[in-house]
Amino acid sequence: MDEEVMNLQIRKFLKRVGITAQREIEKAVRDGLDSGILSGTETLSTRMTLTVPQLSMDINIDGDISLE
């Protein structure tokens, strides 16, 4: 195993996850504001799940996103 290659591949994957997640959250918040589900003052509870089936790995990462 090449540690450097693995590290670069993990970083590449996480960058793609981060960009995609941000885009989807922003879209969902805009839609929520447009539909009246959100007022814009909420703090949203969040959970990201990372799964690697070959390693039997399933990790939840919890957090909050404040809209104000």
C-alpha atoms as a PDB file:
ATOM      1  CA  MET A   1       0.000   0.000   0.000  1.00  0.00           C
ATOM      2  CA  ASP A   2       1.217   3.484  -0.860  1.00  0.00           C
ATOM      3  CA  GLU A   3       0.304   5.811   2.038  1.00  0.00           C
ATOM      4  CA  GLU A   4       0.693   8.930  -0.114  1.00  0.00           C
ATOM      5  CA  VAL A   5      -1.631   7.620  -2.846  1.00  0.00           C
ATOM      6  CA  MET A   6      -4.206   6.558  -0.254  1.00  0.00           C
ATOM      7  CA  ASN A   7      -4.044   9.957   1.457  1.00  0.00           C
ATOM      8  CA  LEU A   8      -4.529  11.807  -1.836  1.00  0.00           C
ATOM      9  CA  GLN A   9      -7.447   9.573  -2.798  1.00  0.00           C
ATOM     10  CA  ILE A  10      -9.142  10.120   0.576  1.00  0.00           C
ATOM     11  CA  ARG A  11      -8.699  13.883   0.274  1.00  0.00           C
ATOM     12  CA  LYS A  12     -10.091  13.824  -3.277  1.00  0.00           C
ATOM     13  CA  PHE A  13     -13.140  11.859  -2.100  1.00  0.00           C
ATOM     14  CA  LEU A  14     -13.734  14.161   0.891  1.00  0.00           C
ATOM     15  CA  LYS A  15     -13.467  17.249  -1.309  1.00  0.00           C
ATOM     16  CA  ARG A  16     -16.143  15.827  -3.623  1.00  0.00           C
ATOM     17  CA  VAL A  17     -18.329  14.971  -0.616  1.00  0.00           C
ATOM     18  CA  GLY A  18     -17.910  18.461   0.841  1.00  0.00           C
ATOM     19  CA  ILE A  19     -18.720  20.281  -2.382  1.00  0.00           C
ATOM     20  CA  THR A  20     -21.731  18.083  -3.124  1.00  0.00           C
ATOM     21  CA  ALA A  21     -23.071  18.271   0.439  1.00  0.00           C
ATOM     22  CA  GLN A  22     -22.756  22.060   0.562  1.00  0.00           C
ATOM     23  CA  ARG A  23     -24.547  22.443  -2.771  1.00  0.00           C
ATOM     24  CA  GLU A  24     -27.391  20.139  -1.706  1.00  0.00           C
ATOM     25  CA  ILE A  25     -27.821  21.771   1.719  1.00  0.00           C
ATOM     26  CA  GLU A  26     -27.889  25.257   0.179  1.00  0.00           C
ATOM     27  CA  LYS A  27     -30.520  24.129  -2.339  1.00  0.00           C
ATOM     28  CA  ALA A  28     -32.650  22.478   0.353  1.00  0.00           C
ATOM     29  CA  VAL A  29     -32.466  25.593   2.565  1.00  0.00           C
ATOM     30  CA  ARG A  30     -33.476  27.861  -0.345  1.00  0.00           C
ATOM     31  CA  ASP A  31     -36.372  25.515  -1.154  1.00  0.00           C
ATOM     32  CA  GLY A  32     -37.375  25.468   2.527  1.00  0.00           C
ATOM     33  CA  LEU A  33     -37.361  29.259   2.660  1.00  0.00           C
ATOM     34  CA  ASP A  34     -39.340  29.549  -0.585  1.00  0.00           C
ATOM     35  CA  SER A  35     -41.978  27.070   0.598  1.00  0.00           C
ATOM     36  CA  GLY A  36     -42.278  28.599   4.061  1.00  0.00           C
ATOM     37  CA  ILE A  37     -41.006  25.503   5.888  1.00  0.00           C
ATOM     38  CA  LEU A  38     -38.076  27.595   7.138  1.00  0.00           C
ATOM     39  CA  SER A  39     -38.102  31.186   8.374  1.00  0.00           C
ATOM     40  CA  GLY A  40     -34.342  31.686   8.132  1.00  0.00           C
ATOM     41  CA  THR A  41     -33.662  31.863  11.866  1.00  0.00           C
ATOM     42  CA  GLU A  42     -33.403  28.126  12.546  1.00  0.00           C
ATOM     43  CA  THR A  43     -30.484  26.010  13.580  1.00  0.00           C
ATOM     44  CA  LEU A  44     -30.624  22.803  11.582  1.00  0.00           C
ATOM     45  CA  SER A  45     -29.528  19.535  13.155  1.00  0.00           C
ATOM     46  CA  THR A  46     -27.403  17.571  10.712  1.00  0.00           C
ATOM     47  CA  ARG A  47     -26.024  14.077  10.344  1.00  0.00           C
ATOM     48  CA  MET A  48     -23.555  12.786   7.777  1.00  0.00           C
ATOM     49  CA  THR A  49     -23.097   9.043   7.484  1.00  0.00           C
ATOM     50  CA  LEU A  50     -19.877   7.604   6.089  1.00  0.00           C
ATOM     51  CA  THR A  51     -20.068   3.982   5.035  1.00  0.00           C
ATOM     52  CA  VAL A  52     -17.272   1.769   3.722  1.00  0.00           C
ATOM     53  CA  PRO A  53     -18.888  -1.649   3.195  1.00  0.00           C
ATOM     54  CA  GLN A  54     -15.613  -3.528   2.596  1.00  0.00           C
ATOM     55  CA  LEU A  55     -14.390  -2.403   6.026  1.00  0.00           C
ATOM     56  CA  SER A  56     -17.734  -2.838   7.813  1.00  0.00           C
ATOM     57  CA  MET A  57     -17.412   0.844   8.677  1.00  0.00           C
ATOM     58  CA  ASP A  58     -20.460   2.999   9.362  1.00  0.00           C
ATOM     59  CA  ILE A  59     -19.805   6.335  11.103  1.00  0.00           C
ATOM     60  CA  ASN A  60     -22.272   9.121  11.876  1.00  0.00           C
ATOM     61  CA  ILE A  61     -21.011  12.685  12.190  1.00  0.00           C
ATOM     62  CA  ASP A  62     -23.505  15.026  13.859  1.00  0.00           C
ATOM     63  CA  GLY A  63     -23.543  18.807  13.861  1.00  0.00           C
ATOM     64  CA  ASP A  64     -25.626  21.940  13.562  1.00  0.00           C
ATOM     65  CA  ILE A  65     -25.988  24.571  10.857  1.00  0.00           C
ATOM     66  CA  SER A  66     -27.207  27.955  12.058  1.00  0.00           C
ATOM     67  CA  LEU A  67     -29.041  30.007   9.437  1.00  0.00           C
ATOM     68  CA  GLU A  68     -28.600  33.243  11.327  1.00  0.00           C
END
